[in-house]
């Protein structure tokens, strides 16, 4: 089942082992999810499959994601959620 059709499951998937990721993902889902295109929703779900250390490095600017779609989503989240 796609997380896109079940916001409660999506919220659960956004709960990570790192607080730094939680404070990015949770507000993004609450504030932006409903406005995303189906394509962007699918990319976000794919992003959530990543490992926390890798995601942390991308969001903190320590590394750049080589996948163009995922990198675009990282930038979208960073621009949308101000922490």
PDB file of N, CA and C in Angstrom:
ATOM      1  N   UNK A   1       0.838  -1.180   0.000  1.00  0.00           N
ATOM      2  CA  UNK A   1       0.000   0.000   0.000  1.00  0.00           C
ATOM      3  C   UNK A   1       0.878   1.237   0.000  1.00  0.00           C
ATOM      4  N   UNK A   2       0.569   2.151  -0.869  1.00  0.00           N
ATOM      5  CA  UNK A   2       1.312   3.393  -0.965  1.00  0.00           C
ATOM      6  C   UNK A   2       1.025   4.262   0.252  1.00  0.00           C
ATOM      7  N   UNK A   3       2.044   4.902   0.746  1.00  0.00           N
ATOM      8  CA  UNK A   3       1.869   5.804   1.874  1.00  0.00           C
ATOM      9  C   UNK A   3       1.037   7.013   1.473  1.00  0.00           C
ATOM     10  N   UNK A   4       1.036   7.334   0.175  1.00  0.00           N
ATOM     11  CA  UNK A   4       0.317   8.511  -0.309  1.00  0.00           C
ATOM     12  C   UNK A   4      -1.164   8.437   0.019  1.00  0.00           C
ATOM     13  N   UNK A   5      -1.710   7.257   0.115  1.00  0.00           N
ATOM     14  CA  UNK A   5      -3.130   7.088   0.377  1.00  0.00           C
ATOM     15  C   UNK A   5      -3.444   6.956   1.857  1.00  0.00           C
ATOM     16  N   UNK A   6      -2.440   6.993   2.702  1.00  0.00           N
ATOM     17  CA  UNK A   6      -2.656   6.802   4.134  1.00  0.00           C
ATOM     18  C   UNK A   6      -1.726   7.735   4.901  1.00  0.00           C
ATOM     19  N   UNK A   7      -2.234   8.918   5.252  1.00  0.00           N
ATOM     20  CA  UNK A   7      -1.396   9.934   5.883  1.00  0.00           C
ATOM     21  C   UNK A   7      -0.876   9.497   7.255  1.00  0.00           C
ATOM     22  N   UNK A   8      -1.650   8.694   7.978  1.00  0.00           N
ATOM     23  CA  UNK A   8      -1.178   8.215   9.284  1.00  0.00           C
ATOM     24  C   UNK A   8       0.063   7.339   9.113  1.00  0.00           C
ATOM     25  N   UNK A   9       0.054   6.470   8.118  1.00  0.00           N
ATOM     26  CA  UNK A   9       1.235   5.625   7.855  1.00  0.00           C
ATOM     27  C   UNK A   9       2.409   6.477   7.381  1.00  0.00           C
ATOM     28  N   UNK A  10       2.112   7.507   6.617  1.00  0.00           N
ATOM     29  CA  UNK A  10       3.158   8.419   6.152  1.00  0.00           C
ATOM     30  C   UNK A  10       3.803   9.130   7.339  1.00  0.00           C
ATOM     31  N   UNK A  11       2.984   9.633   8.243  1.00  0.00           N
ATOM     32  CA  UNK A  11       3.531  10.288   9.441  1.00  0.00           C
ATOM     33  C   UNK A  11       4.431   9.330  10.215  1.00  0.00           C
ATOM     34  N   UNK A  12       3.999   8.080  10.335  1.00  0.00           N
ATOM     35  CA  UNK A  12       4.798   7.086  11.051  1.00  0.00           C
ATOM     36  C   UNK A  12       6.141   6.865  10.343  1.00  0.00           C
ATOM     37  N   UNK A  13       6.121   6.794   9.029  1.00  0.00           N
ATOM     38  CA  UNK A  13       7.346   6.584   8.256  1.00  0.00           C
ATOM     39  C   UNK A  13       8.299   7.776   8.379  1.00  0.00           C
ATOM     40  N   UNK A  14       7.760   8.944   8.685  1.00  0.00           N
ATOM     41  CA  UNK A  14       8.583  10.150   8.831  1.00  0.00           C
ATOM     42  C   UNK A  14       9.297  10.204  10.177  1.00  0.00           C
ATOM     43  N   UNK A  15       8.865   9.400  11.115  1.00  0.00           N
ATOM     44  CA  UNK A  15       9.524   9.368  12.419  1.00  0.00           C
ATOM     45  C   UNK A  15      10.835   8.604  12.269  1.00  0.00           C
ATOM     46  N   UNK A  16      11.913   9.299  12.466  1.00  0.00           N
ATOM     47  CA  UNK A  16      13.225   8.729  12.219  1.00  0.00           C
ATOM     48  C   UNK A  16      13.974   8.540  13.530  1.00  0.00           C
ATOM     49  N   UNK A  17      15.176   8.029  13.416  1.00  0.00           N
ATOM     50  CA  UNK A  17      16.031   7.862  14.585  1.00  0.00           C
ATOM     51  C   UNK A  17      16.799   9.120  14.929  1.00  0.00           C
ATOM     52  N   UNK A  18      16.648  10.144  14.108  1.00  0.00           N
ATOM     53  CA  UNK A  18      17.367  11.397  14.335  1.00  0.00           C
ATOM     54  C   UNK A  18      16.371  12.544  14.432  1.00  0.00           C
ATOM     55  N   UNK A  19      16.443  13.282  15.494  1.00  0.00           N
ATOM     56  CA  UNK A  19      15.565  14.422  15.698  1.00  0.00           C
ATOM     57  C   UNK A  19      15.690  15.429  14.548  1.00  0.00           C
ATOM     58  N   UNK A  20      16.897  15.597  14.042  1.00  0.00           N
ATOM     59  CA  UNK A  20      17.125  16.566  12.962  1.00  0.00           C
ATOM     60  C   UNK A  20      16.276  16.241  11.736  1.00  0.00           C
ATOM     61  N   UNK A  21      16.068  14.960  11.465  1.00  0.00           N
ATOM     62  CA  UNK A  21      15.236  14.565  10.327  1.00  0.00           C
ATOM     63  C   UNK A  21      13.761  14.692  10.666  1.00  0.00           C
ATOM     64  N   UNK A  22      13.399  14.362  11.893  1.00  0.00           N
ATOM     65  CA  UNK A  22      12.004  14.504  12.325  1.00  0.00           C
ATOM     66  C   UNK A  22      11.510  15.936  12.156  1.00  0.00           C
ATOM     67  N   UNK A  23      12.335  16.907  12.540  1.00  0.00           N
ATOM     68  CA  UNK A  23      11.903  18.303  12.477  1.00  0.00           C
ATOM     69  C   UNK A  23      11.842  18.829  11.050  1.00  0.00           C
ATOM     70  N   UNK A  24      12.368  18.080  10.114  1.00  0.00           N
ATOM     71  CA  UNK A  24      12.214  18.424   8.696  1.00  0.00           C
ATOM     72  C   UNK A  24      11.013  17.709   8.083  1.00  0.00           C
ATOM     73  N   UNK A  25      10.935  16.413   8.315  1.00  0.00           N
ATOM     74  CA  UNK A  25       9.909  15.608   7.647  1.00  0.00           C
ATOM     75  C   UNK A  25       8.499  15.852   8.164  1.00  0.00           C
ATOM     76  N   UNK A  26       8.340  15.913   9.479  1.00  0.00           N
ATOM     77  CA  UNK A  26       6.993  16.028  10.030  1.00  0.00           C
ATOM     78  C   UNK A  26       6.294  17.324   9.607  1.00  0.00           C
ATOM     79  N   UNK A  27       6.922  18.487   9.737  1.00  0.00           N
ATOM     80  CA  UNK A  27       6.250  19.712   9.280  1.00  0.00           C
ATOM     81  C   UNK A  27       5.999  19.708   7.766  1.00  0.00           C
ATOM     82  N   UNK A  28       6.929  19.119   7.019  1.00  0.00           N
ATOM     83  CA  UNK A  28       6.749  19.059   5.571  1.00  0.00           C
ATOM     84  C   UNK A  28       5.497  18.276   5.215  1.00  0.00           C
ATOM     85  N   UNK A  29       5.297  17.140   5.862  1.00  0.00           N
ATOM     86  CA  UNK A  29       4.107  16.328   5.596  1.00  0.00           C
ATOM     87  C   UNK A  29       2.849  17.089   5.997  1.00  0.00           C
ATOM     88  N   UNK A  30       2.888  17.730   7.152  1.00  0.00           N
ATOM     89  CA  UNK A  30       1.707  18.444   7.638  1.00  0.00           C
ATOM     90  C   UNK A  30       1.363  19.650   6.756  1.00  0.00           C
ATOM     91  N   UNK A  31       2.372  20.355   6.286  1.00  0.00           N
ATOM     92  CA  UNK A  31       2.141  21.613   5.582  1.00  0.00           C
ATOM     93  C   UNK A  31       2.123  21.495   4.064  1.00  0.00           C
ATOM     94  N   UNK A  32       2.829  20.527   3.503  1.00  0.00           N
ATOM     95  CA  UNK A  32       3.005  20.517   2.051  1.00  0.00           C
ATOM     96  C   UNK A  32       2.468  19.281   1.343  1.00  0.00           C
ATOM     97  N   UNK A  33       2.289  18.189   2.059  1.00  0.00           N
ATOM     98  CA  UNK A  33       1.953  16.911   1.434  1.00  0.00           C
ATOM     99  C   UNK A  33       0.749  16.987   0.504  1.00  0.00           C
ATOM    100  N   UNK A  34      -0.320  17.589   0.969  1.00  0.00           N
ATOM    101  CA  UNK A  34      -1.563  17.613   0.196  1.00  0.00           C
ATOM    102  C   UNK A  34      -1.425  18.396  -1.105  1.00  0.00           C
ATOM    103  N   UNK A  35      -0.453  19.302  -1.169  1.00  0.00           N
ATOM    104  CA  UNK A  35      -0.255  20.121  -2.369  1.00  0.00           C
ATOM    105  C   UNK A  35       0.734  19.514  -3.363  1.00  0.00           C
ATOM    106  N   UNK A  36       1.400  18.426  -2.987  1.00  0.00           N
ATOM    107  CA  UNK A  36       2.391  17.812  -3.878  1.00  0.00           C
ATOM    108  C   UNK A  36       1.717  17.074  -5.024  1.00  0.00           C
ATOM    109  N   UNK A  37       2.399  17.045  -6.150  1.00  0.00           N
ATOM    110  CA  UNK A  37       1.944  16.230  -7.278  1.00  0.00           C
ATOM    111  C   UNK A  37       2.152  14.762  -6.934  1.00  0.00           C
ATOM    112  N   UNK A  38       1.494  13.882  -7.656  1.00  0.00           N
ATOM    113  CA  UNK A  38       1.676  12.446  -7.431  1.00  0.00           C
ATOM    114  C   UNK A  38       3.138  12.048  -7.626  1.00  0.00           C
ATOM    115  N   UNK A  39       3.795  12.671  -8.588  1.00  0.00           N
ATOM    116  CA  UNK A  39       5.210  12.372  -8.846  1.00  0.00           C
ATOM    117  C   UNK A  39       6.059  12.750  -7.634  1.00  0.00           C
ATOM    118  N   UNK A  40       5.832  13.952  -7.098  1.00  0.00           N
ATOM    119  CA  UNK A  40       6.606  14.383  -5.935  1.00  0.00           C
ATOM    120  C   UNK A  40       6.298  13.530  -4.709  1.00  0.00           C
ATOM    121  N   UNK A  41       5.061  13.093  -4.570  1.00  0.00           N
ATOM    122  CA  UNK A  41       4.720  12.207  -3.457  1.00  0.00           C
ATOM    123  C   UNK A  41       5.498  10.897  -3.568  1.00  0.00           C
ATOM    124  N   UNK A  42       5.595  10.365  -4.777  1.00  0.00           N
ATOM    125  CA  UNK A  42       6.344   9.120  -4.990  1.00  0.00           C
ATOM    126  C   UNK A  42       7.827   9.319  -4.690  1.00  0.00           C
ATOM    127  N   UNK A  43       8.370  10.455  -5.079  1.00  0.00           N
ATOM    128  CA  UNK A  43       9.788  10.742  -4.807  1.00  0.00           C
ATOM    129  C   UNK A  43      10.008  10.886  -3.300  1.00  0.00           C
ATOM    130  N   UNK A  44       9.091  11.539  -2.601  1.00  0.00           N
ATOM    131  CA  UNK A  44       9.218  11.670  -1.149  1.00  0.00           C
ATOM    132  C   UNK A  44       9.188  10.305  -0.480  1.00  0.00           C
ATOM    133  N   UNK A  45       8.290   9.440  -0.924  1.00  0.00           N
ATOM    134  CA  UNK A  45       8.244   8.084  -0.362  1.00  0.00           C
ATOM    135  C   UNK A  45       9.560   7.360  -0.593  1.00  0.00           C
ATOM    136  N   UNK A  46      10.143   7.559  -1.769  1.00  0.00           N
ATOM    137  CA  UNK A  46      11.435   6.926  -2.076  1.00  0.00           C
ATOM    138  C   UNK A  46      12.525   7.511  -1.178  1.00  0.00           C
ATOM    139  N   UNK A  47      12.451   8.805  -0.911  1.00  0.00           N
ATOM    140  CA  UNK A  47      13.410   9.449  -0.020  1.00  0.00           C
ATOM    141  C   UNK A  47      13.357   8.824   1.376  1.00  0.00           C
ATOM    142  N   UNK A  48      12.152   8.526   1.836  1.00  0.00           N
ATOM    143  CA  UNK A  48      11.989   7.937   3.166  1.00  0.00           C
ATOM    144  C   UNK A  48      12.602   6.544   3.284  1.00  0.00           C
ATOM    145  N   UNK A  49      12.890   5.916   2.174  1.00  0.00           N
ATOM    146  CA  UNK A  49      13.528   4.601   2.186  1.00  0.00           C
ATOM    147  C   UNK A  49      15.027   4.700   2.459  1.00  0.00           C
ATOM    148  N   UNK A  50      15.565   5.913   2.420  1.00  0.00           N
ATOM    149  CA  UNK A  50      16.994   6.107   2.637  1.00  0.00           C
ATOM    150  C   UNK A  50      17.394   5.883   4.084  1.00  0.00           C
ATOM    151  N   UNK A  51      18.677   5.662   4.285  1.00  0.00           N
ATOM    152  CA  UNK A  51      19.230   5.483   5.627  1.00  0.00           C
ATOM    153  C   UNK A  51      19.404   6.843   6.293  1.00  0.00           C
ATOM    154  N   UNK A  52      19.179   6.886   7.595  1.00  0.00           N
ATOM    155  CA  UNK A  52      19.263   8.148   8.328  1.00  0.00           C
ATOM    156  C   UNK A  52      20.605   8.865   8.158  1.00  0.00           C
ATOM    157  N   UNK A  53      21.739   8.188   8.275  1.00  0.00           N
ATOM    158  CA  UNK A  53      23.008   8.910   8.123  1.00  0.00           C
ATOM    159  C   UNK A  53      23.158   9.557   6.735  1.00  0.00           C
ATOM    160  N   UNK A  54      22.699   8.859   5.710  1.00  0.00           N
ATOM    161  CA  UNK A  54      22.761   9.402   4.353  1.00  0.00           C
ATOM    162  C   UNK A  54      21.835  10.617   4.223  1.00  0.00           C
ATOM    163  N   UNK A  55      20.604  10.481   4.716  1.00  0.00           N
ATOM    164  CA  UNK A  55      19.655  11.593   4.671  1.00  0.00           C
ATOM    165  C   UNK A  55      20.187  12.785   5.458  1.00  0.00           C
ATOM    166  N   UNK A  56      20.738  12.528   6.617  1.00  0.00           N
ATOM    167  CA  UNK A  56      21.302  13.595   7.448  1.00  0.00           C
ATOM    168  C   UNK A  56      22.382  14.352   6.686  1.00  0.00           C
ATOM    169  N   UNK A  57      23.272  13.620   6.034  1.00  0.00           N
ATOM    170  CA  UNK A  57      24.360  14.251   5.274  1.00  0.00           C
ATOM    171  C   UNK A  57      23.804  15.135   4.156  1.00  0.00           C
ATOM    172  N   UNK A  58      22.772  14.673   3.477  1.00  0.00           N
ATOM    173  CA  UNK A  58      22.167  15.473   2.401  1.00  0.00           C
ATOM    174  C   UNK A  58      21.523  16.733   2.946  1.00  0.00           C
ATOM    175  N   UNK A  59      20.744  16.605   4.003  1.00  0.00           N
ATOM    176  CA  UNK A  59      19.999  17.744   4.529  1.00  0.00           C
ATOM    177  C   UNK A  59      20.894  18.748   5.243  1.00  0.00           C
ATOM    178  N   UNK A  60      21.996  18.299   5.803  1.00  0.00           N
ATOM    179  CA  UNK A  60      22.904  19.208   6.491  1.00  0.00           C
ATOM    180  C   UNK A  60      23.958  19.784   5.545  1.00  0.00           C
ATOM    181  N   UNK A  61      23.938  19.354   4.283  1.00  0.00           N
ATOM    182  CA  UNK A  61      24.861  19.893   3.290  1.00  0.00           C
ATOM    183  C   UNK A  61      26.249  19.299   3.334  1.00  0.00           C
ATOM    184  N   UNK A  62      26.412  18.174   4.020  1.00  0.00           N
ATOM    185  CA  UNK A  62      27.726  17.523   4.087  1.00  0.00           C
ATOM    186  C   UNK A  62      28.024  16.761   2.798  1.00  0.00           C
ATOM    187  N   UNK A  63      26.983  16.288   2.145  1.00  0.00           N
ATOM    188  CA  UNK A  63      27.098  15.570   0.879  1.00  0.00           C
ATOM    189  C   UNK A  63      25.956  16.014  -0.023  1.00  0.00           C
ATOM    190  N   UNK A  64      26.158  15.831  -1.326  1.00  0.00           N
ATOM    191  CA  UNK A  64      25.088  16.115  -2.275  1.00  0.00           C
ATOM    192  C   UNK A  64      24.542  14.790  -2.790  1.00  0.00           C
ATOM    193  N   UNK A  65      23.252  14.688  -2.815  1.00  0.00           N
ATOM    194  CA  UNK A  65      22.601  13.488  -3.339  1.00  0.00           C
ATOM    195  C   UNK A  65      22.822  13.430  -4.847  1.00  0.00           C
ATOM    196  N   UNK A  66      23.282  12.298  -5.323  1.00  0.00           N
ATOM    197  CA  UNK A  66      23.569  12.141  -6.757  1.00  0.00           C
ATOM    198  C   UNK A  66      22.312  11.882  -7.581  1.00  0.00           C
ATOM    199  N   UNK A  67      21.251  11.413  -6.950  1.00  0.00           N
ATOM    200  CA  UNK A  67      19.987  11.158  -7.639  1.00  0.00           C
ATOM    201  C   UNK A  67      19.263  12.497  -7.809  1.00  0.00           C
ATOM    202  N   UNK A  68      19.028  12.904  -9.049  1.00  0.00           N
ATOM    203  CA  UNK A  68      18.450  14.220  -9.320  1.00  0.00           C
ATOM    204  C   UNK A  68      17.080  14.413  -8.679  1.00  0.00           C
ATOM    205  N   UNK A  69      16.228  13.406  -8.767  1.00  0.00           N
ATOM    206  CA  UNK A  69      14.886  13.524  -8.186  1.00  0.00           C
ATOM    207  C   UNK A  69      14.948  13.656  -6.671  1.00  0.00           C
ATOM    208  N   UNK A  70      15.768  12.836  -6.043  1.00  0.00           N
ATOM    209  CA  UNK A  70      15.886  12.902  -4.582  1.00  0.00           C
ATOM    210  C   UNK A  70      16.517  14.221  -4.156  1.00  0.00           C
ATOM    211  N   UNK A  71      17.514  14.674  -4.895  1.00  0.00           N
ATOM    212  CA  UNK A  71      18.156  15.948  -4.568  1.00  0.00           C
ATOM    213  C   UNK A  71      17.156  17.097  -4.701  1.00  0.00           C
ATOM    214  N   UNK A  72      16.316  17.047  -5.714  1.00  0.00           N
ATOM    215  CA  UNK A  72      15.282  18.064  -5.883  1.00  0.00           C
ATOM    216  C   UNK A  72      14.328  18.051  -4.681  1.00  0.00           C
ATOM    217  N   UNK A  73      13.981  16.866  -4.204  1.00  0.00           N
ATOM    218  CA  UNK A  73      13.085  16.754  -3.055  1.00  0.00           C
ATOM    219  C   UNK A  73      13.758  17.289  -1.794  1.00  0.00           C
ATOM    220  N   UNK A  74      15.031  16.989  -1.607  1.00  0.00           N
ATOM    221  CA  UNK A  74      15.781  17.514  -0.461  1.00  0.00           C
ATOM    222  C   UNK A  74      15.717  19.041  -0.479  1.00  0.00           C
ATOM    223  N   UNK A  75      15.968  19.629  -1.644  1.00  0.00           N
ATOM    224  CA  UNK A  75      15.951  21.089  -1.757  1.00  0.00           C
ATOM    225  C   UNK A  75      14.550  21.648  -1.517  1.00  0.00           C
ATOM    226  N   UNK A  76      13.543  20.964  -2.021  1.00  0.00           N
ATOM    227  CA  UNK A  76      12.162  21.386  -1.811  1.00  0.00           C
ATOM    228  C   UNK A  76      11.821  21.403  -0.322  1.00  0.00           C
ATOM    229  N   UNK A  77      12.216  20.363   0.376  1.00  0.00           N
ATOM    230  CA  UNK A  77      11.948  20.282   1.821  1.00  0.00           C
ATOM    231  C   UNK A  77      12.706  21.381   2.563  1.00  0.00           C
ATOM    232  N   UNK A  78      13.977  21.568   2.240  1.00  0.00           N
ATOM    233  CA  UNK A  78      14.762  22.588   2.908  1.00  0.00           C
ATOM    234  C   UNK A  78      14.197  23.990   2.672  1.00  0.00           C
ATOM    235  N   UNK A  79      13.706  24.234   1.479  1.00  0.00           N
ATOM    236  CA  UNK A  79      13.129  25.542   1.171  1.00  0.00           C
ATOM    237  C   UNK A  79      11.763  25.752   1.804  1.00  0.00           C
ATOM    238  N   UNK A  80      11.051  24.658   2.017  1.00  0.00           N
ATOM    239  CA  UNK A  80       9.688  24.728   2.537  1.00  0.00           C
ATOM    240  C   UNK A  80       9.649  24.772   4.059  1.00  0.00           C
ATOM    241  N   UNK A  81      10.554  24.045   4.684  1.00  0.00           N
ATOM    242  CA  UNK A  81      10.558  23.951   6.151  1.00  0.00           C
ATOM    243  C   UNK A  81      11.721  24.787   6.677  1.00  0.00           C
ATOM    244  N   UNK A  82      11.377  25.803   7.407  1.00  0.00           N
ATOM    245  CA  UNK A  82      12.406  26.672   7.986  1.00  0.00           C
ATOM    246  C   UNK A  82      12.596  26.301   9.456  1.00  0.00           C
ATOM    247  N   UNK A  83      13.803  25.822   9.768  1.00  0.00           N
ATOM    248  CA  UNK A  83      14.109  25.451  11.156  1.00  0.00           C
ATOM    249  C   UNK A  83      15.224  26.312  11.702  1.00  0.00           C
TER     250      UNK A  83
END
